[in-house]
Amino acid sequence: MTERRSFLRNAAGAFTAVRVDVFAQPAERHYRVGVLRPTAAPKAPDPIQTENQLPRMLAEMGYVAGRNLAIELRYAAGDLQRLPTMARELVETRMDVIVAVGAA
């Protein structure tokens, strides 16, 4: 009976150690990027637009939309009075990075 108890105790200890190790692995962080533009949303994809280049460049560095990255776009549609409110919304939603795009 002593051998059986010893075996069960060791087996339980090994199982617990494995389970703790599995649960101790950190989850991949999910990053949030907000993009603020004074213009209207583009009607057709334009390869020069930031919203097309940014995901591609970030993916090259390992940040992939839907896996560990979310990009939120905000467009003022030419109404520059809306920009401060839209910027505040992005800050309040706790973006990791906010990209403000505008004319030179």
PDB file of N, CA and C in Angstrom:
ATOM      1  N   MET A   1       0.818  -1.195   0.000  1.00  0.00           N
ATOM      2  CA  MET A   1       0.000   0.000   0.000  1.00  0.00           C
ATOM      3  C   MET A   1       0.866   1.265   0.000  1.00  0.00           C
ATOM      4  N   THR A   2       2.012   1.220   0.635  1.00  0.00           N
ATOM      5  CA  THR A   2       2.898   2.365   0.690  1.00  0.00           C
ATOM      6  C   THR A   2       3.428   2.711  -0.694  1.00  0.00           C
ATOM      7  N   GLU A   3       3.755   1.698  -1.504  1.00  0.00           N
ATOM      8  CA  GLU A   3       4.236   1.955  -2.859  1.00  0.00           C
ATOM      9  C   GLU A   3       3.161   2.633  -3.697  1.00  0.00           C
ATOM     10  N   ARG A   4       1.940   2.188  -3.520  1.00  0.00           N
ATOM     11  CA  ARG A   4       0.839   2.768  -4.287  1.00  0.00           C
ATOM     12  C   ARG A   4       0.668   4.240  -3.920  1.00  0.00           C
ATOM     13  N   ARG A   5       0.693   4.556  -2.630  1.00  0.00           N
ATOM     14  CA  ARG A   5       0.557   5.945  -2.198  1.00  0.00           C
ATOM     15  C   ARG A   5       1.706   6.797  -2.716  1.00  0.00           C
ATOM     16  N   SER A   6       2.890   6.247  -2.667  1.00  0.00           N
ATOM     17  CA  SER A   6       4.066   6.964  -3.164  1.00  0.00           C
ATOM     18  C   SER A   6       3.923   7.244  -4.659  1.00  0.00           C
ATOM     19  N   PHE A   7       3.473   6.232  -5.406  1.00  0.00           N
ATOM     20  CA  PHE A   7       3.286   6.400  -6.850  1.00  0.00           C
ATOM     21  C   PHE A   7       2.229   7.475  -7.129  1.00  0.00           C
ATOM     22  N   LEU A   8       1.094   7.395  -6.439  1.00  0.00           N
ATOM     23  CA  LEU A   8       0.018   8.374  -6.648  1.00  0.00           C
ATOM     24  C   LEU A   8       0.471   9.779  -6.288  1.00  0.00           C
ATOM     25  N   ARG A   9       1.206   9.919  -5.193  1.00  0.00           N
ATOM     26  CA  ARG A   9       1.694  11.229  -4.781  1.00  0.00           C
ATOM     27  C   ARG A   9       2.653  11.798  -5.833  1.00  0.00           C
ATOM     28  N   ASN A  10       3.566  10.981  -6.335  1.00  0.00           N
ATOM     29  CA  ASN A  10       4.511  11.431  -7.360  1.00  0.00           C
ATOM     30  C   ASN A  10       3.804  11.753  -8.672  1.00  0.00           C
ATOM     31  N   ALA A  11       2.836  10.912  -9.048  1.00  0.00           N
ATOM     32  CA  ALA A  11       2.098  11.155 -10.282  1.00  0.00           C
ATOM     33  C   ALA A  11       1.301  12.452 -10.183  1.00  0.00           C
ATOM     34  N   ALA A  12       0.643  12.655  -9.044  1.00  0.00           N
ATOM     35  CA  ALA A  12      -0.127  13.891  -8.842  1.00  0.00           C
ATOM     36  C   ALA A  12       0.798  15.107  -8.855  1.00  0.00           C
ATOM     37  N   GLY A  13       1.959  14.979  -8.231  1.00  0.00           N
ATOM     38  CA  GLY A  13       2.921  16.083  -8.234  1.00  0.00           C
ATOM     39  C   GLY A  13       3.412  16.407  -9.626  1.00  0.00           C
ATOM     40  N   ALA A  14       3.689  15.375 -10.421  1.00  0.00           N
ATOM     41  CA  ALA A  14       4.150  15.598 -11.797  1.00  0.00           C
ATOM     42  C   ALA A  14       3.061  16.241 -12.631  1.00  0.00           C
ATOM     43  N   PHE A  15       1.819  15.772 -12.481  1.00  0.00           N
ATOM     44  CA  PHE A  15       0.695  16.334 -13.237  1.00  0.00           C
ATOM     45  C   PHE A  15       0.486  17.797 -12.871  1.00  0.00           C
ATOM     46  N   THR A  16       0.541  18.095 -11.580  1.00  0.00           N
ATOM     47  CA  THR A  16       0.371  19.475 -11.124  1.00  0.00           C
ATOM     48  C   THR A  16       1.475  20.364 -11.669  1.00  0.00           C
ATOM     49  N   ALA A  17       2.711  19.889 -11.659  1.00  0.00           N
ATOM     50  CA  ALA A  17       3.834  20.688 -12.173  1.00  0.00           C
ATOM     51  C   ALA A  17       3.643  20.977 -13.656  1.00  0.00           C
ATOM     52  N   VAL A  18       3.184  19.994 -14.413  1.00  0.00           N
ATOM     53  CA  VAL A  18       2.965  20.196 -15.845  1.00  0.00           C
ATOM     54  C   VAL A  18       1.845  21.182 -16.066  1.00  0.00           C
ATOM     55  N   ARG A  19       0.743  21.039 -15.350  1.00  0.00           N
ATOM     56  CA  ARG A  19      -0.400  21.929 -15.530  1.00  0.00           C
ATOM     57  C   ARG A  19      -0.045  23.361 -15.140  1.00  0.00           C
ATOM     58  N   VAL A  20       0.680  23.550 -14.060  1.00  0.00           N
ATOM     59  CA  VAL A  20       1.081  24.894 -13.657  1.00  0.00           C
ATOM     60  C   VAL A  20       1.955  25.504 -14.738  1.00  0.00           C
ATOM     61  N   ASP A  21       2.885  24.726 -15.281  1.00  0.00           N
ATOM     62  CA  ASP A  21       3.763  25.223 -16.332  1.00  0.00           C
ATOM     63  C   ASP A  21       2.963  25.621 -17.569  1.00  0.00           C
ATOM     64  N   VAL A  22       1.963  24.837 -17.939  1.00  0.00           N
ATOM     65  CA  VAL A  22       1.146  25.151 -19.114  1.00  0.00           C
ATOM     66  C   VAL A  22       0.390  26.448 -18.898  1.00  0.00           C
ATOM     67  N   PHE A  23      -0.207  26.614 -17.729  1.00  0.00           N
ATOM     68  CA  PHE A  23      -0.999  27.806 -17.470  1.00  0.00           C
ATOM     69  C   PHE A  23      -0.127  29.036 -17.202  1.00  0.00           C
ATOM     70  N   ALA A  24       1.127  28.836 -16.889  1.00  0.00           N
ATOM     71  CA  ALA A  24       2.006  29.958 -16.601  1.00  0.00           C
ATOM     72  C   ALA A  24       2.518  30.637 -17.860  1.00  0.00           C
ATOM     73  N   GLN A  25       2.292  30.037 -19.026  1.00  0.00           N
ATOM     74  CA  GLN A  25       2.772  30.635 -20.266  1.00  0.00           C
ATOM     75  C   GLN A  25       1.998  31.926 -20.530  1.00  0.00           C
ATOM     76  N   PRO A  26       2.697  33.024 -20.787  1.00  0.00           N
ATOM     77  CA  PRO A  26       1.988  34.277 -21.040  1.00  0.00           C
ATOM     78  C   PRO A  26       1.273  34.236 -22.393  1.00  0.00           C
ATOM     79  N   ALA A  27       0.091  34.808 -22.421  1.00  0.00           N
ATOM     80  CA  ALA A  27      -0.654  34.892 -23.676  1.00  0.00           C
ATOM     81  C   ALA A  27      -0.003  35.949 -24.559  1.00  0.00           C
ATOM     82  N   GLU A  28      -0.108  35.752 -25.855  1.00  0.00           N
ATOM     83  CA  GLU A  28       0.451  36.743 -26.778  1.00  0.00           C
ATOM     84  C   GLU A  28      -0.332  38.041 -26.608  1.00  0.00           C
ATOM     85  N   ARG A  29       0.374  39.128 -26.482  1.00  0.00           N
ATOM     86  CA  ARG A  29      -0.249  40.435 -26.281  1.00  0.00           C
ATOM     87  C   ARG A  29      -0.953  40.875 -27.543  1.00  0.00           C
ATOM     88  N   HIS A  30      -2.083  41.506 -27.381  1.00  0.00           N
ATOM     89  CA  HIS A  30      -2.873  42.026 -28.497  1.00  0.00           C
ATOM     90  C   HIS A  30      -2.715  43.547 -28.490  1.00  0.00           C
ATOM     91  N   TYR A  31      -2.138  44.107 -29.540  1.00  0.00           N
ATOM     92  CA  TYR A  31      -1.873  45.536 -29.622  1.00  0.00           C
ATOM     93  C   TYR A  31      -2.983  46.235 -30.381  1.00  0.00           C
ATOM     94  N   ARG A  32      -3.244  47.479 -29.985  1.00  0.00           N
ATOM     95  CA  ARG A  32      -4.295  48.271 -30.637  1.00  0.00           C
ATOM     96  C   ARG A  32      -3.683  49.554 -31.165  1.00  0.00           C
ATOM     97  N   VAL A  33      -3.933  49.811 -32.446  1.00  0.00           N
ATOM     98  CA  VAL A  33      -3.419  51.005 -33.111  1.00  0.00           C
ATOM     99  C   VAL A  33      -4.610  51.807 -33.626  1.00  0.00           C
ATOM    100  N   GLY A  34      -4.649  53.075 -33.265  1.00  0.00           N
ATOM    101  CA  GLY A  34      -5.690  53.971 -33.764  1.00  0.00           C
ATOM    102  C   GLY A  34      -5.095  54.862 -34.846  1.00  0.00           C
ATOM    103  N   VAL A  35      -5.839  55.028 -35.944  1.00  0.00           N
ATOM    104  CA  VAL A  35      -5.398  55.894 -37.040  1.00  0.00           C
ATOM    105  C   VAL A  35      -6.433  57.000 -37.187  1.00  0.00           C
ATOM    106  N   LEU A  36      -5.969  58.229 -37.114  1.00  0.00           N
ATOM    107  CA  LEU A  36      -6.828  59.410 -37.184  1.00  0.00           C
ATOM    108  C   LEU A  36      -6.493  60.171 -38.458  1.00  0.00           C
ATOM    109  N   ARG A  37      -7.516  60.344 -39.329  1.00  0.00           N
ATOM    110  CA  ARG A  37      -7.296  61.047 -40.597  1.00  0.00           C
ATOM    111  C   ARG A  37      -8.282  62.200 -40.745  1.00  0.00           C
ATOM    112  N   PRO A  38      -7.822  63.336 -41.268  1.00  0.00           N
ATOM    113  CA  PRO A  38      -8.732  64.463 -41.473  1.00  0.00           C
ATOM    114  C   PRO A  38      -9.616  64.290 -42.716  1.00  0.00           C
ATOM    115  N   THR A  39      -9.313  63.334 -43.544  1.00  0.00           N
ATOM    116  CA  THR A  39     -10.030  63.139 -44.811  1.00  0.00           C
ATOM    117  C   THR A  39     -11.200  62.165 -44.650  1.00  0.00           C
ATOM    118  N   ALA A  40     -11.901  61.951 -45.747  1.00  0.00           N
ATOM    119  CA  ALA A  40     -12.962  60.942 -45.774  1.00  0.00           C
ATOM    120  C   ALA A  40     -12.336  59.580 -46.026  1.00  0.00           C
ATOM    121  N   ALA A  41     -13.064  58.538 -45.707  1.00  0.00           N
ATOM    122  CA  ALA A  41     -12.590  57.175 -45.973  1.00  0.00           C
ATOM    123  C   ALA A  41     -12.468  56.991 -47.482  1.00  0.00           C
ATOM    124  N   PRO A  42     -11.410  56.330 -47.937  1.00  0.00           N
ATOM    125  CA  PRO A  42     -11.247  56.132 -49.377  1.00  0.00           C
ATOM    126  C   PRO A  42     -12.343  55.216 -49.921  1.00  0.00           C
ATOM    127  N   LYS A  43     -12.792  55.530 -51.149  1.00  0.00           N
ATOM    128  CA  LYS A  43     -13.836  54.719 -51.780  1.00  0.00           C
ATOM    129  C   LYS A  43     -13.264  53.436 -52.368  1.00  0.00           C
ATOM    130  N   ALA A  44     -12.035  53.517 -52.844  1.00  0.00           N
ATOM    131  CA  ALA A  44     -11.379  52.340 -53.433  1.00  0.00           C
ATOM    132  C   ALA A  44     -10.007  52.179 -52.781  1.00  0.00           C
ATOM    133  N   PRO A  45      -9.513  50.954 -52.671  1.00  0.00           N
ATOM    134  CA  PRO A  45      -8.180  50.754 -52.090  1.00  0.00           C
ATOM    135  C   PRO A  45      -7.105  51.502 -52.874  1.00  0.00           C
ATOM    136  N   ASP A  46      -6.278  52.207 -52.155  1.00  0.00           N
ATOM    137  CA  ASP A  46      -5.172  52.951 -52.750  1.00  0.00           C
ATOM    138  C   ASP A  46      -3.899  52.463 -52.069  1.00  0.00           C
ATOM    139  N   PRO A  47      -2.968  51.881 -52.822  1.00  0.00           N
ATOM    140  CA  PRO A  47      -1.769  51.316 -52.192  1.00  0.00           C
ATOM    141  C   PRO A  47      -0.915  52.336 -51.458  1.00  0.00           C
ATOM    142  N   ILE A  48      -1.116  53.609 -51.718  1.00  0.00           N
ATOM    143  CA  ILE A  48      -0.314  54.639 -51.058  1.00  0.00           C
ATOM    144  C   ILE A  48      -0.949  55.061 -49.732  1.00  0.00           C
ATOM    145  N   GLN A  49      -2.224  54.792 -49.540  1.00  0.00           N
ATOM    146  CA  GLN A  49      -2.914  55.194 -48.319  1.00  0.00           C
ATOM    147  C   GLN A  49      -2.319  54.507 -47.095  1.00  0.00           C
ATOM    148  N   THR A  50      -2.290  55.220 -45.990  1.00  0.00           N
ATOM    149  CA  THR A  50      -1.745  54.709 -44.737  1.00  0.00           C
ATOM    150  C   THR A  50      -2.454  53.438 -44.299  1.00  0.00           C
ATOM    151  N   GLU A  51      -3.777  53.391 -44.451  1.00  0.00           N
ATOM    152  CA  GLU A  51      -4.508  52.229 -43.948  1.00  0.00           C
ATOM    153  C   GLU A  51      -4.193  50.966 -44.730  1.00  0.00           C
ATOM    154  N   ASN A  52      -3.562  51.084 -45.886  1.00  0.00           N
ATOM    155  CA  ASN A  52      -3.114  49.908 -46.630  1.00  0.00           C
ATOM    156  C   ASN A  52      -1.650  49.586 -46.332  1.00  0.00           C
ATOM    157  N   GLN A  53      -0.824  50.595 -46.189  1.00  0.00           N
ATOM    158  CA  GLN A  53       0.598  50.383 -45.922  1.00  0.00           C
ATOM    159  C   GLN A  53       0.863  49.959 -44.488  1.00  0.00           C
ATOM    160  N   LEU A  54       0.170  50.549 -43.547  1.00  0.00           N
ATOM    161  CA  LEU A  54       0.434  50.295 -42.140  1.00  0.00           C
ATOM    162  C   LEU A  54       0.292  48.815 -41.769  1.00  0.00           C
ATOM    163  N   PRO A  55      -0.811  48.137 -42.114  1.00  0.00           N
ATOM    164  CA  PRO A  55      -0.899  46.709 -41.766  1.00  0.00           C
ATOM    165  C   PRO A  55       0.200  45.869 -42.421  1.00  0.00           C
ATOM    166  N   ARG A  56       0.566  46.206 -43.645  1.00  0.00           N
ATOM    167  CA  ARG A  56       1.617  45.451 -44.343  1.00  0.00           C
ATOM    168  C   ARG A  56       2.954  45.631 -43.638  1.00  0.00           C
ATOM    169  N   MET A  57       3.287  46.866 -43.284  1.00  0.00           N
ATOM    170  CA  MET A  57       4.562  47.127 -42.611  1.00  0.00           C
ATOM    171  C   MET A  57       4.601  46.497 -41.225  1.00  0.00           C
ATOM    172  N   LEU A  58       3.480  46.558 -40.499  1.00  0.00           N
ATOM    173  CA  LEU A  58       3.440  45.943 -39.177  1.00  0.00           C
ATOM    174  C   LEU A  58       3.516  44.419 -39.264  1.00  0.00           C
ATOM    175  N   ALA A  59       2.886  43.835 -40.295  1.00  0.00           N
ATOM    176  CA  ALA A  59       2.948  42.381 -40.484  1.00  0.00           C
ATOM    177  C   ALA A  59       4.384  41.924 -40.724  1.00  0.00           C
ATOM    178  N   GLU A  60       5.170  42.738 -41.418  1.00  0.00           N
ATOM    179  CA  GLU A  60       6.582  42.405 -41.645  1.00  0.00           C
ATOM    180  C   GLU A  60       7.352  42.327 -40.328  1.00  0.00           C
ATOM    181  N   MET A  61       6.847  43.030 -39.309  1.00  0.00           N
ATOM    182  CA  MET A  61       7.496  43.020 -37.994  1.00  0.00           C
ATOM    183  C   MET A  61       6.844  42.020 -37.039  1.00  0.00           C
ATOM    184  N   GLY A  62       5.871  41.238 -37.540  1.00  0.00           N
ATOM    185  CA  GLY A  62       5.246  40.218 -36.719  1.00  0.00           C
ATOM    186  C   GLY A  62       3.921  40.601 -36.095  1.00  0.00           C
ATOM    187  N   TYR A  63       3.406  41.795 -36.386  1.00  0.00           N
ATOM    188  CA  TYR A  63       2.123  42.242 -35.849  1.00  0.00           C
ATOM    189  C   TYR A  63       1.064  42.037 -36.934  1.00  0.00           C
ATOM    190  N   VAL A  64       0.185  41.058 -36.735  1.00  0.00           N
ATOM    191  CA  VAL A  64      -0.769  40.670 -37.766  1.00  0.00           C
ATOM    192  C   VAL A  64      -2.193  40.970 -37.298  1.00  0.00           C
ATOM    193  N   ALA A  65      -2.924  41.729 -38.114  1.00  0.00           N
ATOM    194  CA  ALA A  65      -4.308  42.063 -37.796  1.00  0.00           C
ATOM    195  C   ALA A  65      -5.123  40.792 -37.611  1.00  0.00           C
ATOM    196  N   GLY A  66      -5.899  40.764 -36.545  1.00  0.00           N
ATOM    197  CA  GLY A  66      -6.711  39.603 -36.239  1.00  0.00           C
ATOM    198  C   GLY A  66      -6.012  38.586 -35.359  1.00  0.00           C
ATOM    199  N   ARG A  67      -4.701  38.624 -35.314  1.00  0.00           N
ATOM    200  CA  ARG A  67      -3.965  37.685 -34.458  1.00  0.00           C
ATOM    201  C   ARG A  67      -3.462  38.399 -33.209  1.00  0.00           C
ATOM    202  N   ASN A  68      -2.637  39.411 -33.392  1.00  0.00           N
ATOM    203  CA  ASN A  68      -2.107  40.135 -32.237  1.00  0.00           C
ATOM    204  C   ASN A  68      -2.190  41.653 -32.443  1.00  0.00           C
ATOM    205  N   LEU A  69      -3.026  42.058 -33.395  1.00  0.00           N
ATOM    206  CA  LEU A  69      -3.120  43.476 -33.738  1.00  0.00           C
ATOM    207  C   LEU A  69      -4.537  43.831 -34.154  1.00  0.00           C
ATOM    208  N   ALA A  70      -4.993  44.998 -33.699  1.00  0.00           N
ATOM    209  CA  ALA A  70      -6.256  45.567 -34.157  1.00  0.00           C
ATOM    210  C   ALA A  70      -5.982  47.010 -34.552  1.00  0.00           C
ATOM    211  N   ILE A  71      -6.480  47.405 -35.719  1.00  0.00           N
ATOM    212  CA  ILE A  71      -6.309  48.776 -36.193  1.00  0.00           C
ATOM    213  C   ILE A  71      -7.690  49.405 -36.278  1.00  0.00           C
ATOM    214  N   GLU A  72      -7.862  50.543 -35.589  1.00  0.00           N
ATOM    215  CA  GLU A  72      -9.121  51.270 -35.617  1.00  0.00           C
ATOM    216  C   GLU A  72      -8.913  52.563 -36.385  1.00  0.00           C
ATOM    217  N   LEU A  73      -9.701  52.760 -37.431  1.00  0.00           N
ATOM    218  CA  LEU A  73      -9.588  53.939 -38.286  1.00  0.00           C
ATOM    219  C   LEU A  73     -10.671  54.949 -37.932  1.00  0.00           C
ATOM    220  N   ARG A  74     -10.295  56.216 -37.895  1.00  0.00           N
ATOM    221  CA  ARG A  74     -11.243  57.308 -37.674  1.00  0.00           C
ATOM    222  C   ARG A  74     -11.020  58.340 -38.781  1.00  0.00           C
ATOM    223  N   TYR A  75     -12.095  58.742 -39.446  1.00  0.00           N
ATOM    224  CA  TYR A  75     -12.031  59.721 -40.527  1.00  0.00           C
ATOM    225  C   TYR A  75     -12.895  60.930 -40.175  1.00  0.00           C
ATOM    226  N   ALA A  76     -12.328  62.133 -40.322  1.00  0.00           N
ATOM    227  CA  ALA A  76     -13.063  63.364 -40.032  1.00  0.00           C
ATOM    228  C   ALA A  76     -13.853  63.847 -41.249  1.00  0.00           C
ATOM    229  N   ALA A  77     -13.638  63.268 -42.402  1.00  0.00           N
ATOM    230  CA  ALA A  77     -14.346  63.634 -43.637  1.00  0.00           C
ATOM    231  C   ALA A  77     -14.245  65.126 -43.931  1.00  0.00           C
ATOM    232  N   GLY A  78     -13.071  65.691 -43.671  1.00  0.00           N
ATOM    233  CA  GLY A  78     -12.835  67.103 -43.970  1.00  0.00           C
ATOM    234  C   GLY A  78     -13.296  68.059 -42.887  1.00  0.00           C
ATOM    235  N   ASP A  79     -14.016  67.581 -41.887  1.00  0.00           N
ATOM    236  CA  ASP A  79     -14.506  68.419 -40.798  1.00  0.00           C
ATOM    237  C   ASP A  79     -13.469  68.403 -39.675  1.00  0.00           C
ATOM    238  N   LEU A  80     -12.525  69.350 -39.751  1.00  0.00           N
ATOM    239  CA  LEU A  80     -11.417  69.370 -38.798  1.00  0.00           C
ATOM    240  C   LEU A  80     -11.864  69.615 -37.362  1.00  0.00           C
ATOM    241  N   GLN A  81     -13.068  70.165 -37.169  1.00  0.00           N
ATOM    242  CA  GLN A  81     -13.610  70.380 -35.830  1.00  0.00           C
ATOM    243  C   GLN A  81     -13.836  69.046 -35.102  1.00  0.00           C
ATOM    244  N   ARG A  82     -13.996  67.959 -35.850  1.00  0.00           N
ATOM    245  CA  ARG A  82     -14.244  66.640 -35.264  1.00  0.00           C
ATOM    246  C   ARG A  82     -12.970  65.967 -34.748  1.00  0.00           C
ATOM    247  N   LEU A  83     -11.811  66.412 -35.222  1.00  0.00           N
ATOM    248  CA  LEU A  83     -10.559  65.745 -34.870  1.00  0.00           C
ATOM    249  C   LEU A  83     -10.293  65.642 -33.362  1.00  0.00           C
ATOM    250  N   PRO A  84     -10.472  66.723 -32.585  1.00  0.00           N
ATOM    251  CA  PRO A  84     -10.209  66.588 -31.141  1.00  0.00           C
ATOM    252  C   PRO A  84     -11.105  65.543 -30.465  1.00  0.00           C
ATOM    253  N   THR A  85     -12.364  65.489 -30.839  1.00  0.00           N
ATOM    254  CA  THR A  85     -13.286  64.507 -30.259  1.00  0.00           C
ATOM    255  C   THR A  85     -12.880  63.094 -30.654  1.00  0.00           C
ATOM    256  N   MET A  86     -12.529  62.918 -31.916  1.00  0.00           N
ATOM    257  CA  MET A  86     -12.122  61.593 -32.388  1.00  0.00           C
ATOM    258  C   MET A  86     -10.819  61.165 -31.722  1.00  0.00           C
ATOM    259  N   ALA A  87      -9.893  62.090 -31.535  1.00  0.00           N
ATOM    260  CA  ALA A  87      -8.631  61.779 -30.866  1.00  0.00           C
ATOM    261  C   ALA A  87      -8.895  61.379 -29.416  1.00  0.00           C
ATOM    262  N   ARG A  88      -9.801  62.089 -28.749  1.00  0.00           N
ATOM    263  CA  ARG A  88     -10.154  61.774 -27.368  1.00  0.00           C
ATOM    264  C   ARG A  88     -10.758  60.365 -27.281  1.00  0.00           C
ATOM    265  N   GLU A  89     -11.598  60.003 -28.249  1.00  0.00           N
ATOM    266  CA  GLU A  89     -12.184  58.656 -28.273  1.00  0.00           C
ATOM    267  C   GLU A  89     -11.095  57.587 -28.352  1.00  0.00           C
ATOM    268  N   LEU A  90     -10.109  57.820 -29.205  1.00  0.00           N
ATOM    269  CA  LEU A  90      -9.027  56.846 -29.338  1.00  0.00           C
ATOM    270  C   LEU A  90      -8.222  56.732 -28.044  1.00  0.00           C
ATOM    271  N   VAL A  91      -7.988  57.870 -27.396  1.00  0.00           N
ATOM    272  CA  VAL A  91      -7.251  57.852 -26.126  1.00  0.00           C
ATOM    273  C   VAL A  91      -8.063  57.111 -25.063  1.00  0.00           C
ATOM    274  N   GLU A  92      -9.359  57.377 -25.003  1.00  0.00           N
ATOM    275  CA  GLU A  92     -10.212  56.743 -23.994  1.00  0.00           C
ATOM    276  C   GLU A  92     -10.346  55.237 -24.202  1.00  0.00           C
ATOM    277  N   THR A  93     -10.194  54.768 -25.431  1.00  0.00           N
ATOM    278  CA  THR A  93     -10.286  53.326 -25.685  1.00  0.00           C
ATOM    279  C   THR A  93      -8.936  52.645 -25.481  1.00  0.00           C
ATOM    280  N   ARG A  94      -7.976  53.387 -24.951  1.00  0.00           N
ATOM    281  CA  ARG A  94      -6.672  52.857 -24.537  1.00  0.00           C
ATOM    282  C   ARG A  94      -5.901  52.191 -25.675  1.00  0.00           C
ATOM    283  N   MET A  95      -5.721  52.937 -26.742  1.00  0.00           N
ATOM    284  CA  MET A  95      -4.889  52.472 -27.848  1.00  0.00           C
ATOM    285  C   MET A  95      -3.435  52.390 -27.369  1.00  0.00           C
ATOM    286  N   ASP A  96      -2.684  51.461 -27.931  1.00  0.00           N
ATOM    287  CA  ASP A  96      -1.259  51.385 -27.640  1.00  0.00           C
ATOM    288  C   ASP A  96      -0.506  52.473 -28.399  1.00  0.00           C
ATOM    289  N   VAL A  97      -0.983  52.765 -29.606  1.00  0.00           N
ATOM    290  CA  VAL A  97      -0.358  53.770 -30.466  1.00  0.00           C
ATOM    291  C   VAL A  97      -1.474  54.499 -31.212  1.00  0.00           C
ATOM    292  N   ILE A  98      -1.326  55.805 -31.374  1.00  0.00           N
ATOM    293  CA  ILE A  98      -2.251  56.576 -32.198  1.00  0.00           C
ATOM    294  C   ILE A  98      -1.439  57.231 -33.298  1.00  0.00           C
ATOM    295  N   VAL A  99      -1.841  56.983 -34.541  1.00  0.00           N
ATOM    296  CA  VAL A  99      -1.176  57.563 -35.709  1.00  0.00           C
ATOM    297  C   VAL A  99      -2.089  58.649 -36.247  1.00  0.00           C
ATOM    298  N   ALA A 100      -1.587  59.877 -36.301  1.00  0.00           N
ATOM    299  CA  ALA A 100      -2.344  60.991 -36.869  1.00  0.00           C
ATOM    300  C   ALA A 100      -1.772  61.296 -38.236  1.00  0.00           C
ATOM    301  N   VAL A 101      -2.610  61.242 -39.246  1.00  0.00           N
ATOM    302  CA  VAL A 101      -2.178  61.446 -40.622  1.00  0.00           C
ATOM    303  C   VAL A 101      -2.752  62.771 -41.100  1.00  0.00           C
ATOM    304  N   GLY A 102      -1.936  63.526 -41.837  1.00  0.00           N
ATOM    305  CA  GLY A 102      -2.425  64.795 -42.367  1.00  0.00           C
ATOM    306  C   GLY A 102      -1.536  65.278 -43.485  1.00  0.00           C
ATOM    307  N   ALA A 103      -1.918  66.395 -44.061  1.00  0.00           N
ATOM    308  CA  ALA A 103      -1.132  67.003 -45.136  1.00  0.00           C
ATOM    309  C   ALA A 103       0.157  67.564 -44.540  1.00  0.00           C
ATOM    310  N   ALA A 104       1.169  67.664 -45.378  1.00  0.00           N
ATOM    311  CA  ALA A 104       2.463  68.181 -44.911  1.00  0.00           C
ATOM    312  C   ALA A 104       2.345  69.619 -44.455  1.00  0.00           C
TER     313      ALA A 104
END
